[in-house]
Amino acid sequence: MKNLEQDCYILAVETSCDETSAAVIKNGTEILSNLIASQIETHRAFGGVVPEVASRKHVESITLMLEEAVRQAGIPPERLSAIAVTEGPGLVGALLVGIMAAKSLAFALGKPLIGVHHIAGHIFANRLVQEVLYPSMALVVSGGHTELVLMEREGSFEVLGQTRDDAVGEAYDKVARSLGFPYPGGPFVDKLAGEATEAENLPRAWLEPGSYDFSLSGLKSAVLNAVNQHKMRGEDGYQPAIARGFQESVIEVLVEKAIRAVRATGSRQLLLCGGVAANRGLRTALSERCEKENILLSIPPLTYCTDNAAMIGAAAYLKWKSGEFSTLELKAEASLSLEDWSVKA
């Protein structure tokens, strides 16, 4: 265990996908700096993230991002307590850029290295804005993940349910493409759904009774089928109704299963996490339902919903407090287990 009477300054690095980010976090909650270099414009031309291009972009900017994060924080490098970095899950090539930079810095400065699980970071983005009460339930919705995670205590993670095929963010992008929108398509579908006056009737995938898993492949296929039918009939203006029908289907299942999981586990709080947490329809529906059910809901500001290093620093503080550090043998783990990453009791 570390001496918690002294302030802890963690320099965190995030390069798991298409954002290069560096941040300095004090005591797991105070953001001294948080820089993000997005690659959206680069990947838009390809209709999605190209792993090799993402890795090259990380290489181009990572050194400058680290230098600027430390400068803006006003903390001399020798006063840093540890270097944290996302070790997985994510794109292996992209993860390696951040890991090599973090390992080099940790070695040069003689500081501990902390490998962080990307989803733990998304969950603890909520800790940057308010206390987390335990036991707590996290609904993680992002481009690559859709999960319900139970935290019985600080630092423990149990995955109760997850997607069996497409993640929510992935499904949004595919539906957006079928409706003629560019990458990333989620914000376009969200906006169009909010403006629609009617909704296309689309299925809900509840799966087996009592299951907390999700499935979006059938809904995605139903959307494609609806689009093709409208096109064959020569109809125009069907996009808003499909966007609203799709969003209502996704949100209804997410909200219902999240509320059911909170009740079944006796959780004191529900945390919304991940890039799709920026979706206005989901934020509104979940807020209204939690207010009705008298459930405490935490949703991070939009800045901390998408990938950023501040959330990695917040999660790394868990490992700092318990003295669980990574060696310089740290590797990129594309399918890193969240449960295995849990802090030892």
Protein backbone atom coordinates (compact mmCIF):
# COMPACT_ATOMS: atom_id res chain seq x y z
CA MET A 1 0.00 0.00 0.00
CA LYS A 2 1.17 3.51 -0.81
CA ASN A 3 1.42 6.47 1.56
CA LEU A 4 -1.86 8.23 0.83
CA GLU A 5 -0.91 11.27 2.90
CA GLN A 6 1.25 12.48 0.01
CA ASP A 7 -0.31 13.79 -3.18
CA CYS A 8 -0.21 11.41 -6.13
CA TYR A 9 0.44 12.77 -9.62
CA ILE A 10 -0.16 10.29 -12.43
CA LEU A 11 0.80 10.98 -16.05
CA ALA A 12 -1.66 8.93 -18.11
CA VAL A 13 -1.57 7.89 -21.77
CA GLU A 14 -4.46 6.66 -23.96
CA THR A 15 -3.94 5.36 -27.53
CA SER A 16 -6.33 2.40 -27.75
CA CYS A 17 -8.10 3.49 -30.94
CA ASP A 18 -8.21 6.79 -32.83
CA GLU A 19 -7.55 9.40 -30.13
CA THR A 20 -4.09 10.24 -28.85
CA SER A 21 -4.45 11.58 -25.31
CA ALA A 22 -2.21 12.50 -22.39
CA ALA A 23 -3.23 13.83 -18.98
CA VAL A 24 -1.93 14.51 -15.50
CA ILE A 25 -4.31 13.54 -12.67
CA LYS A 26 -3.89 14.43 -9.00
CA ASN A 27 -5.12 11.91 -6.43
CA GLY A 28 -7.36 10.17 -8.96
CA THR A 29 -9.93 12.95 -9.22
CA GLU A 30 -8.35 16.33 -10.01
CA ILE A 31 -7.53 16.98 -13.67
CA LEU A 32 -4.40 19.13 -14.02
CA SER A 33 -4.23 18.64 -17.79
CA ASN A 34 -6.04 16.53 -20.38
CA LEU A 35 -5.06 16.79 -24.04
CA ILE A 36 -6.81 14.92 -26.86
CA ALA A 37 -5.77 14.73 -30.51
CA SER A 38 -8.63 13.26 -32.54
CA GLN A 39 -8.17 11.40 -35.82
CA ILE A 40 -11.82 11.55 -36.90
CA GLU A 41 -11.19 13.68 -39.98
CA THR A 42 -8.45 11.31 -41.14
CA HIS A 43 -10.57 8.16 -40.82
CA ARG A 44 -13.78 9.72 -42.17
CA ALA A 45 -12.45 9.30 -45.72
CA PHE A 46 -12.30 5.54 -45.15
CA GLY A 47 -15.71 5.20 -43.47
CA GLY A 48 -14.17 3.87 -40.25
CA VAL A 49 -10.97 3.49 -38.28
CA VAL A 50 -8.02 2.05 -40.23
CA PRO A 51 -5.72 0.43 -37.63
CA GLU A 52 -2.43 1.06 -39.44
CA VAL A 53 -3.30 4.71 -40.09
CA ALA A 54 -4.34 5.14 -36.44
CA SER A 55 -0.99 3.76 -35.24
CA ARG A 56 0.99 6.09 -37.50
CA LYS A 57 -1.00 9.09 -36.29
CA HIS A 58 -0.30 8.15 -32.67
CA VAL A 59 3.44 7.98 -33.44
CA GLU A 60 3.33 11.46 -34.96
CA SER A 61 1.77 13.13 -31.94
CA ILE A 62 2.50 11.13 -28.78
CA THR A 63 5.78 12.84 -27.79
CA LEU A 64 4.39 16.35 -28.15
CA MET A 65 1.20 15.37 -26.28
CA LEU A 66 3.18 14.04 -23.32
CA GLU A 67 5.41 17.11 -23.15
CA GLU A 68 2.45 19.49 -23.32
CA ALA A 69 0.42 17.56 -20.73
CA VAL A 70 3.24 17.85 -18.21
CA ARG A 71 3.84 21.52 -19.07
CA GLN A 72 0.16 22.46 -18.68
CA ALA A 73 -0.07 20.57 -15.38
CA GLY A 74 2.81 22.59 -13.98
CA ILE A 75 4.35 19.48 -12.41
CA PRO A 76 8.07 18.82 -12.94
CA PRO A 77 8.61 15.30 -14.36
CA GLU A 78 10.55 14.26 -11.26
CA ARG A 79 7.48 14.97 -9.10
CA LEU A 80 5.31 12.52 -11.02
CA SER A 81 4.27 9.53 -8.93
CA ALA A 82 3.65 7.04 -11.73
CA ILE A 83 3.12 6.63 -15.48
CA ALA A 84 -0.16 4.98 -16.52
CA VAL A 85 -1.14 3.68 -19.94
CA THR A 86 -4.01 1.77 -21.54
CA GLU A 87 -2.82 -1.81 -22.05
CA GLY A 88 -6.07 -3.10 -23.59
CA PRO A 89 -8.49 -3.82 -24.98
CA GLY A 90 -8.06 -1.95 -28.25
CA LEU A 91 -6.17 -1.99 -31.55
CA VAL A 92 -2.86 -3.74 -30.91
CA GLY A 93 -0.78 -1.40 -33.04
CA ALA A 94 -2.34 1.68 -31.50
CA LEU A 95 -1.95 0.32 -27.96
CA LEU A 96 1.72 -0.43 -28.58
CA VAL A 97 2.51 3.20 -29.39
CA GLY A 98 1.20 4.39 -26.03
CA ILE A 99 2.73 1.47 -24.13
CA MET A 100 6.21 1.98 -25.60
CA ALA A 101 6.07 5.70 -24.84
CA ALA A 102 4.90 5.07 -21.26
CA LYS A 103 7.48 2.35 -20.61
CA SER A 104 10.28 4.54 -21.95
CA LEU A 105 9.21 7.45 -19.76
CA ALA A 106 8.77 5.27 -16.67
CA PHE A 107 12.24 3.80 -17.17
CA ALA A 108 13.89 7.16 -17.82
CA LEU A 109 12.29 8.80 -14.77
CA GLY A 110 12.52 5.77 -12.51
CA LYS A 111 8.75 5.86 -11.89
CA PRO A 112 6.26 2.97 -11.44
CA LEU A 113 4.35 1.85 -14.52
CA ILE A 114 0.61 1.11 -14.31
CA GLY A 115 -1.20 -0.76 -17.08
CA VAL A 116 -4.89 0.20 -17.20
CA HIS A 117 -7.94 -1.55 -18.61
CA HIS A 118 -9.68 0.72 -21.11
CA ILE A 119 -13.20 -0.05 -19.82
CA ALA A 120 -12.13 0.54 -16.21
CA GLY A 121 -11.09 3.95 -17.47
CA HIS A 122 -14.50 4.65 -18.98
CA ILE A 123 -16.18 3.59 -15.75
CA PHE A 124 -13.94 5.77 -13.59
CA ALA A 125 -14.51 8.80 -15.79
CA ASN A 126 -17.48 9.17 -13.45
CA ARG A 127 -15.09 9.45 -10.50
CA LEU A 128 -13.71 12.64 -12.04
CA VAL A 129 -17.02 14.39 -11.37
CA GLN A 130 -18.49 12.72 -8.27
CA GLU A 131 -18.13 9.99 -5.67
CA VAL A 132 -18.90 6.41 -6.66
CA LEU A 133 -21.07 4.50 -4.18
CA TYR A 134 -20.70 0.75 -3.73
CA PRO A 135 -22.06 -1.62 -4.75
CA SER A 136 -22.43 0.15 -8.08
CA MET A 137 -23.63 -0.83 -11.56
CA ALA A 138 -21.98 0.45 -14.75
CA LEU A 139 -23.66 0.48 -18.15
CA VAL A 140 -20.79 0.66 -20.65
CA VAL A 141 -21.77 1.68 -24.18
CA SER A 142 -19.10 2.47 -26.75
CA GLY A 143 -17.90 1.72 -30.26
CA GLY A 144 -16.46 -1.65 -29.28
CA HIS A 145 -18.18 -2.54 -26.01
CA THR A 146 -21.67 -2.93 -24.56
CA GLU A 147 -21.57 -4.32 -21.02
CA LEU A 148 -23.23 -4.29 -17.63
CA VAL A 149 -20.52 -4.34 -14.95
CA LEU A 150 -21.11 -4.83 -11.22
CA MET A 151 -18.65 -3.27 -8.78
CA GLU A 152 -19.18 -4.73 -5.30
CA ARG A 153 -16.30 -2.64 -3.96
CA GLU A 154 -13.81 -0.11 -5.30
CA GLY A 155 -11.59 -1.77 -7.87
CA SER A 156 -13.63 -4.98 -8.34
CA PHE A 157 -15.36 -5.68 -11.65
CA GLU A 158 -17.84 -8.43 -12.53
CA VAL A 159 -19.30 -8.49 -16.04
CA LEU A 160 -22.97 -9.48 -15.74
CA GLY A 161 -23.84 -9.05 -19.40
CA GLN A 162 -22.28 -8.07 -22.70
CA THR A 163 -23.02 -7.90 -26.39
CA ARG A 164 -23.01 -11.17 -28.27
CA ASP A 165 -22.27 -9.47 -31.60
CA ASP A 166 -22.19 -5.76 -32.47
CA ALA A 167 -21.51 -3.11 -29.83
CA VAL A 168 -23.95 -0.20 -29.65
CA GLY A 169 -21.56 2.32 -31.18
CA GLU A 170 -20.67 -0.09 -33.96
CA ALA A 171 -24.35 -0.64 -34.75
CA TYR A 172 -24.98 3.12 -34.84
CA ASP A 173 -22.18 3.61 -37.37
CA LYS A 174 -23.47 0.79 -39.60
CA VAL A 175 -27.05 2.08 -39.48
CA ALA A 176 -25.83 5.60 -40.19
CA ARG A 177 -23.97 4.34 -43.26
CA SER A 178 -27.12 2.65 -44.55
CA LEU A 179 -28.95 5.98 -44.15
CA GLY A 180 -26.27 7.84 -46.09
CA PHE A 181 -24.35 9.49 -43.22
CA PRO A 182 -20.55 9.66 -42.91
CA TYR A 183 -18.36 8.21 -40.15
CA PRO A 184 -18.77 8.54 -37.21
CA GLY A 185 -22.51 8.15 -37.69
CA GLY A 186 -23.82 8.03 -34.13
CA PRO A 187 -24.35 11.79 -33.69
CA PHE A 188 -26.21 11.99 -37.04
CA VAL A 189 -28.61 9.17 -36.09
CA ASP A 190 -29.14 10.68 -32.63
CA LYS A 191 -29.96 14.11 -34.09
CA LEU A 192 -32.25 12.70 -36.80
CA ALA A 193 -34.08 10.52 -34.28
CA GLY A 194 -34.73 13.54 -32.09
CA GLU A 195 -36.27 15.44 -35.02
CA ALA A 196 -38.47 12.58 -36.29
CA THR A 197 -42.25 12.76 -35.84
CA GLU A 198 -42.81 9.01 -36.24
CA ALA A 199 -40.85 5.81 -35.73
CA GLU A 200 -40.35 2.74 -37.92
CA ASN A 201 -41.50 -0.39 -36.13
CA LEU A 202 -38.32 -2.36 -35.39
CA PRO A 203 -37.65 -5.41 -33.16
CA ARG A 204 -36.24 -5.49 -29.61
CA ALA A 205 -33.69 -8.19 -28.79
CA TRP A 206 -34.48 -9.24 -25.20
CA LEU A 207 -32.81 -12.68 -25.54
CA GLU A 208 -33.49 -15.32 -22.86
CA PRO A 209 -35.58 -14.40 -19.79
CA GLY A 210 -33.32 -12.92 -17.13
CA SER A 211 -30.38 -12.44 -19.49
CA TYR A 212 -28.29 -9.29 -19.16
CA ASP A 213 -26.62 -9.87 -22.55
CA PHE A 214 -27.27 -7.73 -25.61
CA SER A 215 -27.59 -8.45 -29.32
CA LEU A 216 -27.78 -5.86 -32.08
CA SER A 217 -27.08 -7.85 -35.25
CA GLY A 218 -30.77 -8.68 -35.76
CA LEU A 219 -31.82 -5.06 -35.29
CA LYS A 220 -29.12 -3.92 -37.69
CA SER A 221 -30.40 -6.42 -40.29
CA ALA A 222 -33.98 -5.21 -39.74
CA VAL A 223 -32.86 -1.64 -40.43
CA LEU A 224 -31.10 -2.66 -43.64
CA ASN A 225 -34.21 -4.57 -44.72
CA ALA A 226 -36.43 -1.56 -44.02
CA VAL A 227 -34.13 0.74 -45.99
CA ASN A 228 -34.13 -1.64 -48.96
CA GLN A 229 -37.93 -1.92 -48.90
CA HIS A 230 -38.33 1.87 -48.95
CA LYS A 231 -35.86 2.12 -51.83
CA MET A 232 -37.61 -0.60 -53.86
CA ARG A 233 -40.91 1.25 -53.46
CA GLY A 234 -39.22 4.43 -54.60
CA GLU A 235 -40.01 6.25 -51.35
CA ASP A 236 -38.11 9.24 -49.99
CA GLY A 237 -37.87 10.84 -46.57
CA TYR A 238 -37.90 7.56 -44.64
CA GLN A 239 -34.57 8.19 -42.86
CA PRO A 240 -35.91 10.06 -39.78
CA ALA A 241 -38.48 7.36 -38.96
CA ILE A 242 -35.87 4.61 -39.27
CA ALA A 243 -33.37 6.55 -37.15
CA ARG A 244 -35.98 7.06 -34.43
CA GLY A 245 -37.17 3.45 -34.58
CA PHE A 246 -33.61 2.18 -34.32
CA GLN A 247 -32.71 4.47 -31.44
CA GLU A 248 -35.88 3.69 -29.50
CA SER A 249 -35.24 -0.04 -29.88
CA VAL A 250 -31.64 0.24 -28.66
CA ILE A 251 -32.45 2.56 -25.76
CA GLU A 252 -35.44 0.58 -24.50
CA VAL A 253 -33.36 -2.59 -24.13
CA LEU A 254 -30.36 -0.80 -22.62
CA VAL A 255 -32.42 1.08 -20.05
CA GLU A 256 -34.62 -1.85 -19.07
CA LYS A 257 -31.72 -4.27 -18.55
CA ALA A 258 -29.68 -1.67 -16.66
CA ILE A 259 -32.54 -0.92 -14.27
CA ARG A 260 -33.21 -4.62 -13.77
CA ALA A 261 -29.52 -5.25 -13.00
CA VAL A 262 -29.47 -2.42 -10.45
CA ARG A 263 -32.53 -3.84 -8.66
CA ALA A 264 -31.29 -7.43 -8.74
CA THR A 265 -27.87 -6.60 -7.26
CA GLY A 266 -28.92 -3.95 -4.77
CA SER A 267 -26.63 -1.41 -6.38
CA ARG A 268 -26.66 2.07 -4.85
CA GLN A 269 -25.80 3.85 -8.08
CA LEU A 270 -25.93 3.48 -11.87
CA LEU A 271 -23.00 4.78 -13.91
CA LEU A 272 -23.34 5.51 -17.63
CA CYS A 273 -19.98 5.14 -19.39
CA GLY A 274 -18.38 5.13 -22.84
CA GLY A 275 -18.59 7.10 -26.05
CA VAL A 276 -22.28 6.39 -26.64
CA ALA A 277 -22.98 7.95 -23.22
CA ALA A 278 -22.86 11.21 -25.22
CA ASN A 279 -26.05 10.15 -27.03
CA ARG A 280 -28.77 12.64 -26.08
CA GLY A 281 -31.61 10.16 -26.47
CA LEU A 282 -29.96 7.64 -24.14
CA ARG A 283 -28.99 10.26 -21.55
CA THR A 284 -32.54 11.63 -21.48
CA ALA A 285 -34.28 8.24 -21.33
CA LEU A 286 -32.00 6.88 -18.63
CA SER A 287 -32.27 10.07 -16.56
CA GLU A 288 -36.06 10.02 -16.71
CA ARG A 289 -36.29 6.32 -15.83
CA CYS A 290 -33.81 6.59 -12.94
CA GLU A 291 -35.70 9.57 -11.54
CA LYS A 292 -38.93 7.57 -11.72
CA GLU A 293 -37.30 4.53 -10.08
CA ASN A 294 -35.47 6.66 -7.48
CA ILE A 295 -32.06 5.38 -8.63
CA LEU A 296 -28.96 7.58 -8.31
CA LEU A 297 -27.52 8.08 -11.81
CA SER A 298 -24.09 9.37 -12.76
CA ILE A 299 -23.30 10.52 -16.30
CA PRO A 300 -19.92 12.14 -17.04
CA PRO A 301 -19.69 15.37 -19.06
CA LEU A 302 -19.44 14.88 -22.82
CA THR A 303 -15.68 15.58 -22.72
CA TYR A 304 -15.08 12.48 -20.61
CA CYS A 305 -17.44 10.14 -22.49
CA THR A 306 -15.13 9.60 -25.45
CA ASP A 307 -11.60 8.21 -25.13
CA ASN A 308 -9.33 10.39 -23.01
CA ALA A 309 -6.30 9.98 -20.76
CA ALA A 310 -7.92 11.63 -17.72
CA MET A 311 -10.15 8.59 -17.23
CA ILE A 312 -7.10 6.31 -17.51
CA GLY A 313 -5.40 8.31 -14.77
CA ALA A 314 -8.50 8.02 -12.58
CA ALA A 315 -8.57 4.23 -12.96
CA ALA A 316 -4.79 3.96 -12.49
CA TYR A 317 -5.15 5.57 -9.06
CA LEU A 318 -6.87 2.37 -7.88
CA LYS A 319 -3.72 0.39 -8.64
CA TRP A 320 -1.52 3.11 -7.18
CA LYS A 321 -3.32 2.93 -3.83
CA SER A 322 -2.93 -0.83 -3.66
CA GLY A 323 0.68 -0.78 -4.88
CA GLU A 324 -0.08 -2.98 -7.90
CA PHE A 325 2.35 -1.95 -10.62
CA SER A 326 3.22 -3.35 -14.05
CA THR A 327 6.69 -4.42 -15.09
CA LEU A 328 8.53 -3.14 -18.15
CA GLU A 329 7.44 -6.41 -19.77
CA LEU A 330 3.92 -4.93 -20.16
CA LYS A 331 2.34 -5.95 -23.46
CA ALA A 332 -0.64 -4.78 -25.49
CA GLU A 333 -3.63 -7.07 -24.80
CA ALA A 334 -6.34 -6.67 -27.46
CA SER A 335 -8.80 -8.78 -25.43
CA LEU A 336 -7.74 -7.93 -21.87
CA SER A 337 -10.21 -9.22 -19.26
CA LEU A 338 -11.79 -6.55 -17.07
CA GLU A 339 -12.47 -9.00 -14.26
CA ASP A 340 -8.83 -10.16 -14.25
CA TRP A 341 -7.70 -6.52 -14.04
CA SER A 342 -9.60 -6.03 -10.78
CA VAL A 343 -7.64 -4.69 -7.82
CA LYS A 344 -6.71 -7.44 -5.38
CA ALA A 345 -8.86 -7.35 -2.22
